[in-house]
Amino acid sequence: MIAAFSVAPTTTDNPRAEMSAAVARAVRVVRESGLPNETTAMFTTIEGEWDEVMDVIKRATRAVEEVAPRVALVIKADIRPGHDNMLTAKMESLNKHLGEHPAEHTDNDL
């Protein structure tokens, strides 16, 4: 399964409403999980089996809860049993339809 999620405090003491320090706590949990993952400006995407992905999301949420009295969590999942390496495969399929090769773009192009 692939899950894209966003977790952030709903309030912050920062006058500019920056939440990156709290979000970094969640991203650190994901990266330390060892599961394939990607982080963009809006979501972190993680790939693995249902239980392991949901456990990582839960731990990432708890990491933000440690520094915030209230947390917002959004999850979008693609549950496709029997398919692995979908983070890469989905992008390869998209690039094929766009007529591109992986070396022709960077993650910043997406």
PDB file of N, CA and C in Angstrom:
ATOM      1  N   MET A   1       0.837  -1.179   0.000  1.00  0.00           N
ATOM      2  CA  MET A   1       0.000   0.000   0.000  1.00  0.00           C
ATOM      3  C   MET A   1       0.875   1.232   0.000  1.00  0.00           C
ATOM      4  N   ILE A   2       0.338   2.293  -0.558  1.00  0.00           N
ATOM      5  CA  ILE A   2       0.976   3.601  -0.500  1.00  0.00           C
ATOM      6  C   ILE A   2       0.023   4.510   0.268  1.00  0.00           C
ATOM      7  N   ALA A   3       0.563   5.259   1.202  1.00  0.00           N
ATOM      8  CA  ALA A   3      -0.244   6.231   1.927  1.00  0.00           C
ATOM      9  C   ALA A   3       0.443   7.582   1.873  1.00  0.00           C
ATOM     10  N   ALA A   4      -0.316   8.581   1.490  1.00  0.00           N
ATOM     11  CA  ALA A   4       0.162   9.961   1.546  1.00  0.00           C
ATOM     12  C   ALA A   4      -0.523  10.584   2.749  1.00  0.00           C
ATOM     13  N   PHE A   5       0.268  11.188   3.625  1.00  0.00           N
ATOM     14  CA  PHE A   5      -0.349  11.790   4.795  1.00  0.00           C
ATOM     15  C   PHE A   5       0.290  13.124   5.133  1.00  0.00           C
ATOM     16  N   SER A   6      -0.500  13.905   5.831  1.00  0.00           N
ATOM     17  CA  SER A   6      -0.052  15.200   6.321  1.00  0.00           C
ATOM     18  C   SER A   6      -0.444  15.278   7.783  1.00  0.00           C
ATOM     19  N   VAL A   7       0.512  15.587   8.632  1.00  0.00           N
ATOM     20  CA  VAL A   7       0.227  15.751  10.053  1.00  0.00           C
ATOM     21  C   VAL A   7       0.883  17.047  10.503  1.00  0.00           C
ATOM     22  N   ALA A   8       0.114  17.862  11.219  1.00  0.00           N
ATOM     23  CA  ALA A   8       0.632  19.156  11.660  1.00  0.00           C
ATOM     24  C   ALA A   8      -0.159  19.636  12.867  1.00  0.00           C
ATOM     25  N   PRO A   9       0.474  20.445  13.703  1.00  0.00           N
ATOM     26  CA  PRO A   9      -0.273  21.042  14.809  1.00  0.00           C
ATOM     27  C   PRO A   9      -1.315  22.012  14.254  1.00  0.00           C
ATOM     28  N   THR A  10      -2.441  22.122  14.942  1.00  0.00           N
ATOM     29  CA  THR A  10      -3.462  23.070  14.487  1.00  0.00           C
ATOM     30  C   THR A  10      -3.197  24.466  15.021  1.00  0.00           C
ATOM     31  N   THR A  11      -2.315  24.581  16.003  1.00  0.00           N
ATOM     32  CA  THR A  11      -1.928  25.878  16.551  1.00  0.00           C
ATOM     33  C   THR A  11      -0.419  25.915  16.708  1.00  0.00           C
ATOM     34  N   THR A  12       0.114  27.127  16.760  1.00  0.00           N
ATOM     35  CA  THR A  12       1.547  27.294  16.967  1.00  0.00           C
ATOM     36  C   THR A  12       1.792  28.599  17.712  1.00  0.00           C
ATOM     37  N   ASP A  13       2.846  28.626  18.510  1.00  0.00           N
ATOM     38  CA  ASP A  13       3.226  29.850  19.222  1.00  0.00           C
ATOM     39  C   ASP A  13       3.989  30.803  18.316  1.00  0.00           C
ATOM     40  N   ASN A  14       4.382  30.316  17.161  1.00  0.00           N
ATOM     41  CA  ASN A  14       5.174  31.100  16.226  1.00  0.00           C
ATOM     42  C   ASN A  14       4.294  32.180  15.586  1.00  0.00           C
ATOM     43  N   PRO A  15       4.679  33.464  15.660  1.00  0.00           N
ATOM     44  CA  PRO A  15       3.842  34.525  15.082  1.00  0.00           C
ATOM     45  C   PRO A  15       3.668  34.421  13.563  1.00  0.00           C
ATOM     46  N   ARG A  16       4.565  33.721  12.890  1.00  0.00           N
ATOM     47  CA  ARG A  16       4.436  33.536  11.435  1.00  0.00           C
ATOM     48  C   ARG A  16       3.672  32.257  11.097  1.00  0.00           C
ATOM     49  N   ALA A  17       3.172  31.551  12.108  1.00  0.00           N
ATOM     50  CA  ALA A  17       2.407  30.305  11.949  1.00  0.00           C
ATOM     51  C   ALA A  17       3.219  29.203  11.286  1.00  0.00           C
ATOM     52  N   GLU A  18       4.526  29.223  11.477  1.00  0.00           N
ATOM     53  CA  GLU A  18       5.383  28.173  10.921  1.00  0.00           C
ATOM     54  C   GLU A  18       5.243  26.899  11.749  1.00  0.00           C
ATOM     55  N   MET A  19       5.123  25.792  11.066  1.00  0.00           N
ATOM     56  CA  MET A  19       4.932  24.508  11.719  1.00  0.00           C
ATOM     57  C   MET A  19       6.024  23.517  11.371  1.00  0.00           C
ATOM     58  N   SER A  20       7.046  23.964  10.673  1.00  0.00           N
ATOM     59  CA  SER A  20       8.058  23.046  10.153  1.00  0.00           C
ATOM     60  C   SER A  20       8.809  22.289  11.240  1.00  0.00           C
ATOM     61  N   ALA A  21       9.037  22.880  12.400  1.00  0.00           N
ATOM     62  CA  ALA A  21       9.750  22.164  13.464  1.00  0.00           C
ATOM     63  C   ALA A  21       8.933  20.964  13.938  1.00  0.00           C
ATOM     64  N   ALA A  22       7.632  21.150  14.108  1.00  0.00           N
ATOM     65  CA  ALA A  22       6.772  20.043  14.532  1.00  0.00           C
ATOM     66  C   ALA A  22       6.648  18.999  13.429  1.00  0.00           C
ATOM     67  N   VAL A  23       6.490  19.445  12.194  1.00  0.00           N
ATOM     68  CA  VAL A  23       6.376  18.521  11.064  1.00  0.00           C
ATOM     69  C   VAL A  23       7.663  17.725  10.891  1.00  0.00           C
ATOM     70  N   ALA A  24       8.800  18.346  11.142  1.00  0.00           N
ATOM     71  CA  ALA A  24      10.089  17.643  11.027  1.00  0.00           C
ATOM     72  C   ALA A  24      10.147  16.447  11.961  1.00  0.00           C
ATOM     73  N   ARG A  25       9.502  16.545  13.101  1.00  0.00           N
ATOM     74  CA  ARG A  25       9.466  15.412  14.037  1.00  0.00           C
ATOM     75  C   ARG A  25       8.775  14.210  13.380  1.00  0.00           C
ATOM     76  N   ALA A  26       7.685  14.470  12.658  1.00  0.00           N
ATOM     77  CA  ALA A  26       6.955  13.400  11.973  1.00  0.00           C
ATOM     78  C   ALA A  26       7.778  12.826  10.831  1.00  0.00           C
ATOM     79  N   VAL A  27       8.394  13.691  10.052  1.00  0.00           N
ATOM     80  CA  VAL A  27       9.198  13.237   8.912  1.00  0.00           C
ATOM     81  C   VAL A  27      10.370  12.394   9.396  1.00  0.00           C
ATOM     82  N   ARG A  28      10.964  12.769  10.510  1.00  0.00           N
ATOM     83  CA  ARG A  28      12.077  11.989  11.065  1.00  0.00           C
ATOM     84  C   ARG A  28      11.631  10.555  11.389  1.00  0.00           C
ATOM     85  N   VAL A  29      10.436  10.413  11.964  1.00  0.00           N
ATOM     86  CA  VAL A  29       9.899   9.080  12.269  1.00  0.00           C
ATOM     87  C   VAL A  29       9.769   8.266  10.987  1.00  0.00           C
ATOM     88  N   VAL A  30       9.247   8.881   9.943  1.00  0.00           N
ATOM     89  CA  VAL A  30       9.060   8.187   8.664  1.00  0.00           C
ATOM     90  C   VAL A  30      10.403   7.760   8.090  1.00  0.00           C
ATOM     91  N   ARG A  31      11.344   8.669   8.046  1.00  0.00           N
ATOM     92  CA  ARG A  31      12.655   8.352   7.466  1.00  0.00           C
ATOM     93  C   ARG A  31      13.380   7.273   8.249  1.00  0.00           C
ATOM     94  N   GLU A  32      13.239   7.279   9.561  1.00  0.00           N
ATOM     95  CA  GLU A  32      13.896   6.269  10.386  1.00  0.00           C
ATOM     96  C   GLU A  32      13.204   4.913  10.309  1.00  0.00           C
ATOM     97  N   SER A  33      11.996   4.858   9.736  1.00  0.00           N
ATOM     98  CA  SER A  33      11.256   3.596   9.639  1.00  0.00           C
ATOM     99  C   SER A  33      11.910   2.613   8.683  1.00  0.00           C
ATOM    100  N   GLY A  34      12.660   3.127   7.709  1.00  0.00           N
ATOM    101  CA  GLY A  34      13.272   2.265   6.706  1.00  0.00           C
ATOM    102  C   GLY A  34      12.357   1.938   5.540  1.00  0.00           C
ATOM    103  N   LEU A  35      11.102   2.356   5.594  1.00  0.00           N
ATOM    104  CA  LEU A  35      10.180   2.115   4.484  1.00  0.00           C
ATOM    105  C   LEU A  35      10.424   3.147   3.386  1.00  0.00           C
ATOM    106  N   PRO A  36      10.166   2.776   2.121  1.00  0.00           N
ATOM    107  CA  PRO A  36      10.306   3.750   1.039  1.00  0.00           C
ATOM    108  C   PRO A  36       9.391   4.946   1.309  1.00  0.00           C
ATOM    109  N   ASN A  37       9.911   6.155   1.118  1.00  0.00           N
ATOM    110  CA  ASN A  37       9.110   7.340   1.400  1.00  0.00           C
ATOM    111  C   ASN A  37       9.600   8.535   0.599  1.00  0.00           C
ATOM    112  N   GLU A  38       8.729   9.506   0.465  1.00  0.00           N
ATOM    113  CA  GLU A  38       9.044  10.782  -0.189  1.00  0.00           C
ATOM    114  C   GLU A  38       8.311  11.875   0.574  1.00  0.00           C
ATOM    115  N   THR A  39       8.956  12.992   0.759  1.00  0.00           N
ATOM    116  CA  THR A  39       8.310  14.130   1.406  1.00  0.00           C
ATOM    117  C   THR A  39       8.305  15.307   0.445  1.00  0.00           C
ATOM    118  N   THR A  40       7.138  15.920   0.304  1.00  0.00           N
ATOM    119  CA  THR A  40       6.993  17.122  -0.512  1.00  0.00           C
ATOM    120  C   THR A  40       6.493  18.247   0.399  1.00  0.00           C
ATOM    121  N   ALA A  41       6.217  19.383  -0.176  1.00  0.00           N
ATOM    122  CA  ALA A  41       5.775  20.528   0.614  1.00  0.00           C
ATOM    123  C   ALA A  41       4.450  20.278   1.331  1.00  0.00           C
ATOM    124  N   MET A  42       3.630  19.380   0.814  1.00  0.00           N
ATOM    125  CA  MET A  42       2.299  19.180   1.381  1.00  0.00           C
ATOM    126  C   MET A  42       2.067  17.822   2.034  1.00  0.00           C
ATOM    127  N   PHE A  43       2.747  16.776   1.562  1.00  0.00           N
ATOM    128  CA  PHE A  43       2.491  15.430   2.061  1.00  0.00           C
ATOM    129  C   PHE A  43       3.775  14.626   2.167  1.00  0.00           C
ATOM    130  N   THR A  44       3.712  13.608   3.005  1.00  0.00           N
ATOM    131  CA  THR A  44       4.745  12.582   3.038  1.00  0.00           C
ATOM    132  C   THR A  44       4.084  11.302   2.549  1.00  0.00           C
ATOM    133  N   THR A  45       4.711  10.628   1.609  1.00  0.00           N
ATOM    134  CA  THR A  45       4.190   9.386   1.054  1.00  0.00           C
ATOM    135  C   THR A  45       5.082   8.254   1.519  1.00  0.00           C
ATOM    136  N   ILE A  46       4.455   7.170   1.943  1.00  0.00           N
ATOM    137  CA  ILE A  46       5.184   6.025   2.482  1.00  0.00           C
ATOM    138  C   ILE A  46       4.599   4.753   1.886  1.00  0.00           C
ATOM    139  N   GLU A  47       5.451   3.754   1.660  1.00  0.00           N
ATOM    140  CA  GLU A  47       5.009   2.502   1.042  1.00  0.00           C
ATOM    141  C   GLU A  47       5.400   1.316   1.901  1.00  0.00           C
ATOM    142  N   GLY A  48       4.481   0.370   2.029  1.00  0.00           N
ATOM    143  CA  GLY A  48       4.750  -0.856   2.777  1.00  0.00           C
ATOM    144  C   GLY A  48       3.458  -1.621   2.990  1.00  0.00           C
ATOM    145  N   GLU A  49       3.523  -2.594   3.869  1.00  0.00           N
ATOM    146  CA  GLU A  49       2.326  -3.356   4.221  1.00  0.00           C
ATOM    147  C   GLU A  49       1.431  -2.504   5.128  1.00  0.00           C
ATOM    148  N   TRP A  50       0.138  -2.793   5.104  1.00  0.00           N
ATOM    149  CA  TRP A  50      -0.856  -2.015   5.855  1.00  0.00           C
ATOM    150  C   TRP A  50      -0.411  -1.736   7.287  1.00  0.00           C
ATOM    151  N   ASP A  51      -0.114  -2.794   8.043  1.00  0.00           N
ATOM    152  CA  ASP A  51       0.204  -2.622   9.462  1.00  0.00           C
ATOM    153  C   ASP A  51       1.449  -1.773   9.679  1.00  0.00           C
ATOM    154  N   GLU A  52       2.472  -1.969   8.871  1.00  0.00           N
ATOM    155  CA  GLU A  52       3.695  -1.196   9.074  1.00  0.00           C
ATOM    156  C   GLU A  52       3.508   0.265   8.675  1.00  0.00           C
ATOM    157  N   VAL A  53       2.778   0.522   7.603  1.00  0.00           N
ATOM    158  CA  VAL A  53       2.523   1.906   7.189  1.00  0.00           C
ATOM    159  C   VAL A  53       1.681   2.627   8.239  1.00  0.00           C
ATOM    160  N   MET A  54       0.615   1.991   8.689  1.00  0.00           N
ATOM    161  CA  MET A  54      -0.250   2.631   9.675  1.00  0.00           C
ATOM    162  C   MET A  54       0.477   2.839  11.003  1.00  0.00           C
ATOM    163  N   ASP A  55       1.365   1.928  11.358  1.00  0.00           N
ATOM    164  CA  ASP A  55       2.157   2.104  12.579  1.00  0.00           C
ATOM    165  C   ASP A  55       3.068   3.323  12.466  1.00  0.00           C
ATOM    166  N   VAL A  56       3.699   3.493  11.321  1.00  0.00           N
ATOM    167  CA  VAL A  56       4.582   4.649  11.120  1.00  0.00           C
ATOM    168  C   VAL A  56       3.766   5.944  11.166  1.00  0.00           C
ATOM    169  N   ILE A  57       2.606   5.953  10.530  1.00  0.00           N
ATOM    170  CA  ILE A  57       1.759   7.151  10.563  1.00  0.00           C
ATOM    171  C   ILE A  57       1.338   7.460  11.999  1.00  0.00           C
ATOM    172  N   LYS A  58       0.992   6.434  12.743  1.00  0.00           N
ATOM    173  CA  LYS A  58       0.601   6.630  14.145  1.00  0.00           C
ATOM    174  C   LYS A  58       1.759   7.209  14.950  1.00  0.00           C
ATOM    175  N   ARG A  59       2.957   6.650  14.782  1.00  0.00           N
ATOM    176  CA  ARG A  59       4.119   7.148  15.524  1.00  0.00           C
ATOM    177  C   ARG A  59       4.489   8.569  15.099  1.00  0.00           C
ATOM    178  N   ALA A  60       4.345   8.873  13.822  1.00  0.00           N
ATOM    179  CA  ALA A  60       4.623  10.232  13.334  1.00  0.00           C
ATOM    180  C   ALA A  60       3.631  11.229  13.940  1.00  0.00           C
ATOM    181  N   THR A  61       2.386  10.814  14.033  1.00  0.00           N
ATOM    182  CA  THR A  61       1.361  11.666  14.641  1.00  0.00           C
ATOM    183  C   THR A  61       1.658  11.893  16.112  1.00  0.00           C
ATOM    184  N   ARG A  62       2.035  10.844  16.807  1.00  0.00           N
ATOM    185  CA  ARG A  62       2.387  10.955  18.237  1.00  0.00           C
ATOM    186  C   ARG A  62       3.573  11.899  18.435  1.00  0.00           C
ATOM    187  N   ALA A  63       4.515  11.881  17.509  1.00  0.00           N
ATOM    188  CA  ALA A  63       5.684  12.766  17.612  1.00  0.00           C
ATOM    189  C   ALA A  63       5.262  14.233  17.553  1.00  0.00           C
ATOM    190  N   VAL A  64       4.271  14.542  16.730  1.00  0.00           N
ATOM    191  CA  VAL A  64       3.771  15.917  16.660  1.00  0.00           C
ATOM    192  C   VAL A  64       2.943  16.235  17.905  1.00  0.00           C
ATOM    193  N   GLU A  65       2.185  15.260  18.388  1.00  0.00           N
ATOM    194  CA  GLU A  65       1.385  15.465  19.599  1.00  0.00           C
ATOM    195  C   GLU A  65       2.249  15.829  20.805  1.00  0.00           C
ATOM    196  N   GLU A  66       3.487  15.382  20.804  1.00  0.00           N
ATOM    197  CA  GLU A  66       4.385  15.688  21.921  1.00  0.00           C
ATOM    198  C   GLU A  66       4.670  17.181  22.043  1.00  0.00           C
ATOM    199  N   VAL A  67       4.492  17.932  20.962  1.00  0.00           N
ATOM    200  CA  VAL A  67       4.787  19.370  20.989  1.00  0.00           C
ATOM    201  C   VAL A  67       3.570  20.241  20.664  1.00  0.00           C
ATOM    202  N   ALA A  68       2.401  19.629  20.532  1.00  0.00           N
ATOM    203  CA  ALA A  68       1.206  20.398  20.177  1.00  0.00           C
ATOM    204  C   ALA A  68      -0.010  19.863  20.935  1.00  0.00           C
ATOM    205  N   PRO A  69      -0.869  20.754  21.418  1.00  0.00           N
ATOM    206  CA  PRO A  69      -2.055  20.304  22.145  1.00  0.00           C
ATOM    207  C   PRO A  69      -3.148  19.738  21.242  1.00  0.00           C
ATOM    208  N   ARG A  70      -3.068  20.039  19.945  1.00  0.00           N
ATOM    209  CA  ARG A  70      -4.070  19.563  18.988  1.00  0.00           C
ATOM    210  C   ARG A  70      -3.383  19.357  17.648  1.00  0.00           C
ATOM    211  N   VAL A  71      -3.737  18.242  16.971  1.00  0.00           N
ATOM    212  CA  VAL A  71      -3.051  17.856  15.736  1.00  0.00           C
ATOM    213  C   VAL A  71      -4.075  17.524  14.654  1.00  0.00           C
ATOM    214  N   ALA A  72      -3.796  17.932  13.426  1.00  0.00           N
ATOM    215  CA  ALA A  72      -4.631  17.569  12.276  1.00  0.00           C
ATOM    216  C   ALA A  72      -3.897  16.506  11.465  1.00  0.00           C
ATOM    217  N   LEU A  73      -4.626  15.465  11.062  1.00  0.00           N
ATOM    218  CA  LEU A  73      -4.059  14.368  10.281  1.00  0.00           C
ATOM    219  C   LEU A  73      -4.947  14.103   9.074  1.00  0.00           C
ATOM    220  N   VAL A  74      -4.335  14.063   7.889  1.00  0.00           N
ATOM    221  CA  VAL A  74      -5.030  13.726   6.644  1.00  0.00           C
ATOM    222  C   VAL A  74      -4.301  12.536   6.043  1.00  0.00           C
ATOM    223  N   ILE A  75      -5.056  11.486   5.660  1.00  0.00           N
ATOM    224  CA  ILE A  75      -4.455  10.290   5.057  1.00  0.00           C
ATOM    225  C   ILE A  75      -5.192   9.961   3.762  1.00  0.00           C
ATOM    226  N   LYS A  76      -4.426   9.682   2.726  1.00  0.00           N
ATOM    227  CA  LYS A  76      -4.971   9.174   1.463  1.00  0.00           C
ATOM    228  C   LYS A  76      -4.190   7.905   1.149  1.00  0.00           C
ATOM    229  N   ALA A  77      -4.881   6.801   0.878  1.00  0.00           N
ATOM    230  CA  ALA A  77      -4.198   5.526   0.675  1.00  0.00           C
ATOM    231  C   ALA A  77      -4.588   4.869  -0.642  1.00  0.00           C
ATOM    232  N   ASP A  78      -3.599   4.200  -1.243  1.00  0.00           N
ATOM    233  CA  ASP A  78      -3.799   3.366  -2.425  1.00  0.00           C
ATOM    234  C   ASP A  78      -3.490   1.947  -1.967  1.00  0.00           C
ATOM    235  N   ILE A  79      -4.536   1.166  -1.771  1.00  0.00           N
ATOM    236  CA  ILE A  79      -4.384  -0.190  -1.250  1.00  0.00           C
ATOM    237  C   ILE A  79      -4.495  -1.150  -2.421  1.00  0.00           C
ATOM    238  N   ARG A  80      -3.361  -1.746  -2.777  1.00  0.00           N
ATOM    239  CA  ARG A  80      -3.300  -2.611  -3.958  1.00  0.00           C
ATOM    240  C   ARG A  80      -2.461  -3.841  -3.613  1.00  0.00           C
ATOM    241  N   PRO A  81      -3.080  -4.854  -3.005  1.00  0.00           N
ATOM    242  CA  PRO A  81      -2.332  -6.044  -2.588  1.00  0.00           C
ATOM    243  C   PRO A  81      -1.581  -6.689  -3.749  1.00  0.00           C
ATOM    244  N   GLY A  82      -0.392  -7.178  -3.444  1.00  0.00           N
ATOM    245  CA  GLY A  82       0.411  -7.877  -4.434  1.00  0.00           C
ATOM    246  C   GLY A  82       1.279  -6.984  -5.291  1.00  0.00           C
ATOM    247  N   HIS A  83       1.256  -5.691  -5.039  1.00  0.00           N
ATOM    248  CA  HIS A  83       2.072  -4.756  -5.819  1.00  0.00           C
ATOM    249  C   HIS A  83       3.090  -4.080  -4.909  1.00  0.00           C
ATOM    250  N   ASP A  84       4.346  -4.147  -5.310  1.00  0.00           N
ATOM    251  CA  ASP A  84       5.436  -3.519  -4.570  1.00  0.00           C
ATOM    252  C   ASP A  84       6.079  -2.450  -5.440  1.00  0.00           C
ATOM    253  N   ASN A  85       6.914  -1.637  -4.816  1.00  0.00           N
ATOM    254  CA  ASN A  85       7.689  -0.621  -5.527  1.00  0.00           C
ATOM    255  C   ASN A  85       6.793   0.343  -6.304  1.00  0.00           C
ATOM    256  N   MET A  86       5.632   0.624  -5.757  1.00  0.00           N
ATOM    257  CA  MET A  86       4.669   1.461  -6.468  1.00  0.00           C
ATOM    258  C   MET A  86       5.043   2.941  -6.468  1.00  0.00           C
ATOM    259  N   LEU A  87       5.810   3.397  -5.480  1.00  0.00           N
ATOM    260  CA  LEU A  87       6.253   4.796  -5.509  1.00  0.00           C
ATOM    261  C   LEU A  87       7.005   5.077  -6.801  1.00  0.00           C
ATOM    262  N   THR A  88       7.883   4.165  -7.159  1.00  0.00           N
ATOM    263  CA  THR A  88       8.670   4.313  -8.382  1.00  0.00           C
ATOM    264  C   THR A  88       7.844   3.964  -9.616  1.00  0.00           C
ATOM    265  N   ALA A  89       7.097   2.867  -9.554  1.00  0.00           N
ATOM    266  CA  ALA A  89       6.345   2.396 -10.717  1.00  0.00           C
ATOM    267  C   ALA A  89       5.302   3.410 -11.181  1.00  0.00           C
ATOM    268  N   LYS A  90       4.631   4.065 -10.254  1.00  0.00           N
ATOM    269  CA  LYS A  90       3.620   5.049 -10.643  1.00  0.00           C
ATOM    270  C   LYS A  90       4.250   6.221 -11.388  1.00  0.00           C
ATOM    271  N   MET A  91       5.399   6.674 -10.924  1.00  0.00           N
ATOM    272  CA  MET A  91       6.074   7.787 -11.600  1.00  0.00           C
ATOM    273  C   MET A  91       6.605   7.357 -12.969  1.00  0.00           C
ATOM    274  N   GLU A  92       7.115   6.131 -13.055  1.00  0.00           N
ATOM    275  CA  GLU A  92       7.587   5.632 -14.350  1.00  0.00           C
ATOM    276  C   GLU A  92       6.439   5.571 -15.350  1.00  0.00           C
ATOM    277  N   SER A  93       5.282   5.119 -14.902  1.00  0.00           N
ATOM    278  CA  SER A  93       4.117   5.043 -15.782  1.00  0.00           C
ATOM    279  C   SER A  93       3.684   6.441 -16.234  1.00  0.00           C
ATOM    280  N   LEU A  94       3.645   7.377 -15.311  1.00  0.00           N
ATOM    281  CA  LEU A  94       3.281   8.748 -15.657  1.00  0.00           C
ATOM    282  C   LEU A  94       4.265   9.343 -16.658  1.00  0.00           C
ATOM    283  N   ASN A  95       5.553   9.167 -16.392  1.00  0.00           N
ATOM    284  CA  ASN A  95       6.574   9.709 -17.295  1.00  0.00           C
ATOM    285  C   ASN A  95       6.499   9.075 -18.679  1.00  0.00           C
ATOM    286  N   LYS A  96       6.153   7.788 -18.726  1.00  0.00           N
ATOM    287  CA  LYS A  96       5.991   7.108 -20.012  1.00  0.00           C
ATOM    288  C   LYS A  96       4.883   7.783 -20.820  1.00  0.00           C
ATOM    289  N   HIS A  97       3.784   8.084 -20.167  1.00  0.00           N
ATOM    290  CA  HIS A  97       2.666   8.729 -20.859  1.00  0.00           C
ATOM    291  C   HIS A  97       2.981  10.171 -21.238  1.00  0.00           C
ATOM    292  N   LEU A  98       3.875  10.781 -20.494  1.00  0.00           N
ATOM    293  CA  LEU A  98       4.307  12.143 -20.817  1.00  0.00           C
ATOM    294  C   LEU A  98       5.408  12.161 -21.867  1.00  0.00           C
ATOM    295  N   GLY A  99       5.929  10.965 -22.190  1.00  0.00           N
ATOM    296  CA  GLY A  99       7.009  10.869 -23.159  1.00  0.00           C
ATOM    297  C   GLY A  99       8.349  11.269 -22.590  1.00  0.00           C
ATOM    298  N   GLU A 100       8.497  11.150 -21.279  1.00  0.00           N
ATOM    299  CA  GLU A 100       9.739  11.528 -20.618  1.00  0.00           C
ATOM    300  C   GLU A 100      10.482  10.305 -20.116  1.00  0.00           C
ATOM    301  N   HIS A 101      11.737  10.494 -19.892  1.00  0.00           N
ATOM    302  CA  HIS A 101      12.566   9.487 -19.256  1.00  0.00           C
ATOM    303  C   HIS A 101      12.930  10.015 -17.879  1.00  0.00           C
ATOM    304  N   PRO A 102      13.191   9.151 -16.907  1.00  0.00           N
ATOM    305  CA  PRO A 102      13.487   9.613 -15.545  1.00  0.00           C
ATOM    306  C   PRO A 102      14.572  10.680 -15.462  1.00  0.00           C
ATOM    307  N   ALA A 103      15.577  10.628 -16.308  1.00  0.00           N
ATOM    308  CA  ALA A 103      16.676  11.594 -16.242  1.00  0.00           C
ATOM    309  C   ALA A 103      16.273  12.972 -16.763  1.00  0.00           C
ATOM    310  N   GLU A 104      15.112  13.073 -17.397  1.00  0.00           N
ATOM    311  CA  GLU A 104      14.698  14.339 -17.996  1.00  0.00           C
ATOM    312  C   GLU A 104      14.012  15.282 -17.021  1.00  0.00           C
ATOM    313  N   HIS A 105      13.758  14.842 -15.805  1.00  0.00           N
ATOM    314  CA  HIS A 105      13.114  15.716 -14.831  1.00  0.00           C
ATOM    315  C   HIS A 105      13.684  15.447 -13.449  1.00  0.00           C
ATOM    316  N   THR A 106      13.399  16.360 -12.560  1.00  0.00           N
ATOM    317  CA  THR A 106      13.766  16.185 -11.158  1.00  0.00           C
ATOM    318  C   THR A 106      12.490  16.174 -10.346  1.00  0.00           C
ATOM    319  N   ASP A 107      12.599  15.837  -9.066  1.00  0.00           N
ATOM    320  CA  ASP A 107      11.425  15.864  -8.201  1.00  0.00           C
ATOM    321  C   ASP A 107      10.826  17.267  -8.121  1.00  0.00           C
ATOM    322  N   ASN A 108      11.631  18.282  -8.327  1.00  0.00           N
ATOM    323  CA  ASN A 108      11.129  19.648  -8.279  1.00  0.00           C
ATOM    324  C   ASN A 108      10.213  19.967  -9.448  1.00  0.00           C
ATOM    325  N   ASP A 109      10.266  19.151 -10.496  1.00  0.00           N
ATOM    326  CA  ASP A 109       9.416  19.370 -11.659  1.00  0.00           C
ATOM    327  C   ASP A 109       7.995  18.876 -11.438  1.00  0.00           C
ATOM    328  N   LEU A 110       7.783  18.053 -10.425  1.00  0.00           N
ATOM    329  CA  LEU A 110       6.468  17.441 -10.231  1.00  0.00           C
ATOM    330  C   LEU A 110       5.555  18.290  -9.396  1.00  0.00           C
TER     331      LEU A 110
END
